[in-house]
Amino acid sequence: MSRSLPNGTVHAHDVVLHPGAVILLPMVSARQVCLIRNFRVAVGETLIELPAGTIDNREDPLETARRELAEETGYRAGKLEKLCEFFMSPGILNERMHVFLATDLTSGAMALESGEEIQTEIVDWDDALAMIDAGQIRDAKTLAALMYYDRIRRRK
């Protein structure tokens, strides 16, 4: 991708185009969040994350949120509330992340996609924050969503 600068020169940029994604904050109770352990090929490690997934074929982010929550955790949400959105790495990537709070959860079967290695883990909210402090949670979208929602919780 290239753009013209104010001085008239043209500068080329490497940009990864992405359809966008959702990240879910599944609150199993007022004090417990569902995290996942997800093997990530790019870093060769299993990371502790919030469930998330790519928006398919211009799908509405709310529908993506419903689908990904069920696929990766088995939970279905009685209520999904959009909290915020942000760009993952705007220097090279146009991916927009839509953050949804999932509450009134009912459990069901997971429907993992081929190649996914995911295990769920129910964690007390304060323990999830302690995992950030201890460096156990290193996934950027998870850090952003947990810290954003913690600010909301503290205001209430």
C-alpha atoms as a PDB file:
ATOM      1  CA  MET A   1       0.000   0.000   0.000  1.00  0.00           C
ATOM      2  CA  SER A   2       1.361   3.448  -0.757  1.00  0.00           C
ATOM      3  CA  ARG A   3       0.422   7.008   0.101  1.00  0.00           C
ATOM      4  CA  SER A   4       1.495  10.449  -0.962  1.00  0.00           C
ATOM      5  CA  LEU A   5       3.162  12.555   1.705  1.00  0.00           C
ATOM      6  CA  PRO A   6       2.551  16.332   2.026  1.00  0.00           C
ATOM      7  CA  ASN A   7       5.920  17.023   0.377  1.00  0.00           C
ATOM      8  CA  GLY A   8       4.795  15.090  -2.731  1.00  0.00           C
ATOM      9  CA  THR A   9       6.851  11.967  -2.248  1.00  0.00           C
ATOM     10  CA  VAL A  10       5.189   8.573  -2.326  1.00  0.00           C
ATOM     11  CA  HIS A  11       5.933   6.137   0.468  1.00  0.00           C
ATOM     12  CA  ALA A  12       5.230   2.393   0.309  1.00  0.00           C
ATOM     13  CA  HIS A  13       3.870   0.617   3.404  1.00  0.00           C
ATOM     14  CA  ASP A  14       3.540  -3.088   4.108  1.00  0.00           C
ATOM     15  CA  VAL A  15       0.024  -3.583   5.460  1.00  0.00           C
ATOM     16  CA  VAL A  16      -1.798  -6.761   6.448  1.00  0.00           C
ATOM     17  CA  LEU A  17      -5.511  -6.501   5.616  1.00  0.00           C
ATOM     18  CA  HIS A  18      -7.789  -8.286   8.080  1.00  0.00           C
ATOM     19  CA  PRO A  19     -11.608  -8.628   8.234  1.00  0.00           C
ATOM     20  CA  GLY A  20     -11.681  -7.856  11.957  1.00  0.00           C
ATOM     21  CA  ALA A  21     -12.265 -10.007  15.005  1.00  0.00           C
ATOM     22  CA  VAL A  22     -14.112 -10.278  18.281  1.00  0.00           C
ATOM     23  CA  ILE A  23     -12.865 -10.958  21.781  1.00  0.00           C
ATOM     24  CA  LEU A  24     -15.163 -12.242  24.487  1.00  0.00           C
ATOM     25  CA  LEU A  25     -15.150 -11.628  28.199  1.00  0.00           C
ATOM     26  CA  PRO A  26     -17.243 -14.582  29.450  1.00  0.00           C
ATOM     27  CA  MET A  27     -18.246 -13.891  33.040  1.00  0.00           C
ATOM     28  CA  VAL A  28     -19.324 -17.233  34.507  1.00  0.00           C
ATOM     29  CA  SER A  29     -20.386 -15.368  37.651  1.00  0.00           C
ATOM     30  CA  ALA A  30     -19.896 -11.869  39.023  1.00  0.00           C
ATOM     31  CA  ARG A  31     -16.441 -12.950  40.267  1.00  0.00           C
ATOM     32  CA  GLN A  32     -15.332 -15.564  37.718  1.00  0.00           C
ATOM     33  CA  VAL A  33     -14.133 -15.275  34.123  1.00  0.00           C
ATOM     34  CA  CYS A  34     -13.606 -18.064  31.597  1.00  0.00           C
ATOM     35  CA  LEU A  35     -10.119 -17.960  30.102  1.00  0.00           C
ATOM     36  CA  ILE A  36      -8.711 -20.368  27.546  1.00  0.00           C
ATOM     37  CA  ARG A  37      -5.352 -22.007  27.022  1.00  0.00           C
ATOM     38  CA  ASN A  38      -4.736 -21.786  23.291  1.00  0.00           C
ATOM     39  CA  PHE A  39      -1.734 -23.138  21.374  1.00  0.00           C
ATOM     40  CA  ARG A  40      -0.427 -20.418  19.037  1.00  0.00           C
ATOM     41  CA  VAL A  41       1.696 -21.633  16.144  1.00  0.00           C
ATOM     42  CA  ALA A  42       3.242 -18.180  15.488  1.00  0.00           C
ATOM     43  CA  VAL A  43       4.916 -18.125  18.918  1.00  0.00           C
ATOM     44  CA  GLY A  44       5.129 -21.893  19.441  1.00  0.00           C
ATOM     45  CA  GLU A  45       3.470 -21.673  22.856  1.00  0.00           C
ATOM     46  CA  THR A  46       0.193 -22.212  24.627  1.00  0.00           C
ATOM     47  CA  LEU A  47      -1.045 -18.785  25.725  1.00  0.00           C
ATOM     48  CA  ILE A  48      -3.656 -17.860  28.304  1.00  0.00           C
ATOM     49  CA  GLU A  49      -6.273 -15.773  26.518  1.00  0.00           C
ATOM     50  CA  LEU A  50      -9.869 -14.713  26.365  1.00  0.00           C
ATOM     51  CA  PRO A  51     -11.820 -16.500  23.612  1.00  0.00           C
ATOM     52  CA  ALA A  52     -11.728 -14.681  20.286  1.00  0.00           C
ATOM     53  CA  GLY A  53     -12.179 -15.197  16.592  1.00  0.00           C
ATOM     54  CA  THR A  54     -12.152 -13.714  13.136  1.00  0.00           C
ATOM     55  CA  ILE A  55     -15.245 -12.170  11.568  1.00  0.00           C
ATOM     56  CA  ASP A  56     -16.325 -14.365   8.631  1.00  0.00           C
ATOM     57  CA  ASN A  57     -17.645 -13.026   5.320  1.00  0.00           C
ATOM     58  CA  ARG A  58     -18.706  -9.565   6.558  1.00  0.00           C
ATOM     59  CA  GLU A  59     -20.633 -11.205   9.395  1.00  0.00           C
ATOM     60  CA  ASP A  60     -22.003  -8.882  12.091  1.00  0.00           C
ATOM     61  CA  PRO A  61     -19.527  -8.799  15.007  1.00  0.00           C
ATOM     62  CA  LEU A  62     -22.344  -9.753  17.419  1.00  0.00           C
ATOM     63  CA  GLU A  63     -22.979 -12.955  15.438  1.00  0.00           C
ATOM     64  CA  THR A  64     -19.261 -13.696  15.384  1.00  0.00           C
ATOM     65  CA  ALA A  65     -19.215 -13.249  19.162  1.00  0.00           C
ATOM     66  CA  ARG A  66     -22.054 -15.761  19.632  1.00  0.00           C
ATOM     67  CA  ARG A  67     -20.387 -18.281  17.320  1.00  0.00           C
ATOM     68  CA  GLU A  68     -16.894 -17.984  18.773  1.00  0.00           C
ATOM     69  CA  LEU A  69     -18.082 -18.159  22.387  1.00  0.00           C
ATOM     70  CA  ALA A  70     -19.858 -21.453  21.707  1.00  0.00           C
ATOM     71  CA  GLU A  71     -17.039 -22.883  19.576  1.00  0.00           C
ATOM     72  CA  GLU A  72     -14.186 -22.114  21.970  1.00  0.00           C
ATOM     73  CA  THR A  73     -15.852 -22.465  25.383  1.00  0.00           C
ATOM     74  CA  GLY A  74     -19.138 -24.320  24.897  1.00  0.00           C
ATOM     75  CA  TYR A  75     -20.943 -21.447  26.627  1.00  0.00           C
ATOM     76  CA  ARG A  76     -23.962 -19.659  25.207  1.00  0.00           C
ATOM     77  CA  ALA A  77     -24.616 -16.114  26.434  1.00  0.00           C
ATOM     78  CA  GLY A  78     -28.017 -14.895  27.524  1.00  0.00           C
ATOM     79  CA  LYS A  79     -26.600 -11.404  27.126  1.00  0.00           C
ATOM     80  CA  LEU A  80     -23.800 -10.000  24.936  1.00  0.00           C
ATOM     81  CA  GLU A  81     -22.845  -6.358  25.437  1.00  0.00           C
ATOM     82  CA  LYS A  82     -20.293  -4.552  23.291  1.00  0.00           C
ATOM     83  CA  LEU A  83     -17.771  -2.812  25.529  1.00  0.00           C
ATOM     84  CA  CYS A  84     -15.311  -1.205  23.103  1.00  0.00           C
ATOM     85  CA  GLU A  85     -13.233  -1.720  20.004  1.00  0.00           C
ATOM     86  CA  PHE A  86      -9.577  -1.135  19.237  1.00  0.00           C
ATOM     87  CA  PHE A  87      -6.899  -1.734  16.599  1.00  0.00           C
ATOM     88  CA  MET A  88      -4.448  -4.540  17.326  1.00  0.00           C
ATOM     89  CA  SER A  89      -1.303  -3.220  15.644  1.00  0.00           C
ATOM     90  CA  PRO A  90      -2.173  -0.236  13.425  1.00  0.00           C
ATOM     91  CA  GLY A  91       1.397   0.234  12.224  1.00  0.00           C
ATOM     92  CA  ILE A  92       1.130  -2.885  10.048  1.00  0.00           C
ATOM     93  CA  LEU A  93      -2.362  -4.337  10.455  1.00  0.00           C
ATOM     94  CA  ASN A  94      -5.890  -2.967   9.972  1.00  0.00           C
ATOM     95  CA  GLU A  95      -7.510  -5.560  12.292  1.00  0.00           C
ATOM     96  CA  ARG A  96     -10.285  -4.027  14.410  1.00  0.00           C
ATOM     97  CA  MET A  97     -11.093  -5.953  17.612  1.00  0.00           C
ATOM     98  CA  HIS A  98     -14.660  -5.769  18.986  1.00  0.00           C
ATOM     99  CA  VAL A  99     -14.829  -6.554  22.726  1.00  0.00           C
ATOM    100  CA  PHE A 100     -18.011  -8.180  24.066  1.00  0.00           C
ATOM    101  CA  LEU A 101     -19.018  -8.906  27.643  1.00  0.00           C
ATOM    102  CA  ALA A 102     -20.820 -12.273  27.791  1.00  0.00           C
ATOM    103  CA  THR A 103     -23.111 -12.890  30.784  1.00  0.00           C
ATOM    104  CA  ASP A 104     -26.016 -15.146  31.769  1.00  0.00           C
ATOM    105  CA  LEU A 105     -24.010 -18.099  30.488  1.00  0.00           C
ATOM    106  CA  THR A 106     -25.271 -21.636  29.985  1.00  0.00           C
ATOM    107  CA  SER A 107     -22.839 -24.443  29.319  1.00  0.00           C
ATOM    108  CA  GLY A 108     -22.803 -26.718  26.318  1.00  0.00           C
ATOM    109  CA  ALA A 109     -20.434 -28.586  24.043  1.00  0.00           C
ATOM    110  CA  MET A 110     -17.415 -26.903  22.481  1.00  0.00           C
ATOM    111  CA  ALA A 111     -17.147 -27.011  18.677  1.00  0.00           C
ATOM    112  CA  LEU A 112     -13.440 -26.465  18.024  1.00  0.00           C
ATOM    113  CA  GLU A 113     -12.273 -25.906  14.468  1.00  0.00           C
ATOM    114  CA  SER A 114      -9.778 -28.291  12.900  1.00  0.00           C
ATOM    115  CA  GLY A 115      -6.309 -27.708  14.338  1.00  0.00           C
ATOM    116  CA  GLU A 116      -7.454 -25.800  17.427  1.00  0.00           C
ATOM    117  CA  GLU A 117      -5.990 -26.898  20.760  1.00  0.00           C
ATOM    118  CA  ILE A 118      -8.036 -25.070  23.401  1.00  0.00           C
ATOM    119  CA  GLN A 119      -8.832 -25.817  27.045  1.00  0.00           C
ATOM    120  CA  THR A 120     -11.079 -23.621  29.185  1.00  0.00           C
ATOM    121  CA  GLU A 121     -10.172 -22.447  32.666  1.00  0.00           C
ATOM    122  CA  ILE A 122     -12.552 -20.711  35.078  1.00  0.00           C
ATOM    123  CA  VAL A 123     -10.608 -18.146  37.094  1.00  0.00           C
ATOM    124  CA  ASP A 124     -11.526 -15.780  39.910  1.00  0.00           C
ATOM    125  CA  TRP A 125     -11.379 -12.165  38.672  1.00  0.00           C
ATOM    126  CA  ASP A 126      -8.627 -11.166  41.102  1.00  0.00           C
ATOM    127  CA  ASP A 127      -6.623 -14.243  40.097  1.00  0.00           C
ATOM    128  CA  ALA A 128      -6.908 -13.247  36.425  1.00  0.00           C
ATOM    129  CA  LEU A 129      -5.479  -9.817  37.299  1.00  0.00           C
ATOM    130  CA  ALA A 130      -2.718 -11.496  39.335  1.00  0.00           C
ATOM    131  CA  MET A 131      -1.899 -13.609  36.248  1.00  0.00           C
ATOM    132  CA  ILE A 132      -1.302 -10.337  34.369  1.00  0.00           C
ATOM    133  CA  ASP A 133       1.000  -9.075  37.134  1.00  0.00           C
ATOM    134  CA  ALA A 134       2.899 -12.392  37.135  1.00  0.00           C
ATOM    135  CA  GLY A 135       3.435 -12.265  33.366  1.00  0.00           C
ATOM    136  CA  GLN A 136       1.316 -15.367  32.774  1.00  0.00           C
ATOM    137  CA  ILE A 137      -1.091 -13.509  30.475  1.00  0.00           C
ATOM    138  CA  ARG A 138       0.916 -12.053  27.569  1.00  0.00           C
ATOM    139  CA  ASP A 139      -1.681 -11.905  24.795  1.00  0.00           C
ATOM    140  CA  ALA A 140      -2.281  -8.239  23.877  1.00  0.00           C
ATOM    141  CA  LYS A 141      -6.026  -8.482  23.187  1.00  0.00           C
ATOM    142  CA  THR A 142      -6.576 -10.305  26.468  1.00  0.00           C
ATOM    143  CA  LEU A 143      -4.539  -7.765  28.421  1.00  0.00           C
ATOM    144  CA  ALA A 144      -6.461  -4.886  26.849  1.00  0.00           C
ATOM    145  CA  ALA A 145      -9.905  -6.404  27.409  1.00  0.00           C
ATOM    146  CA  LEU A 146      -9.248  -7.485  31.005  1.00  0.00           C
ATOM    147  CA  MET A 147      -7.779  -4.126  31.982  1.00  0.00           C
ATOM    148  CA  TYR A 148     -10.568  -2.207  30.227  1.00  0.00           C
ATOM    149  CA  TYR A 149     -13.279  -4.202  31.986  1.00  0.00           C
ATOM    150  CA  ASP A 150     -11.473  -3.964  35.327  1.00  0.00           C
ATOM    151  CA  ARG A 151     -11.788  -0.161  35.083  1.00  0.00           C
ATOM    152  CA  ILE A 152     -15.532  -0.555  34.500  1.00  0.00           C
ATOM    153  CA  ARG A 153     -15.837  -2.919  37.483  1.00  0.00           C
ATOM    154  CA  ARG A 154     -13.972  -0.508  39.755  1.00  0.00           C
ATOM    155  CA  ARG A 155     -16.310   2.371  38.816  1.00  0.00           C
ATOM    156  CA  LYS A 156     -19.391   0.389  39.858  1.00  0.00           C
END
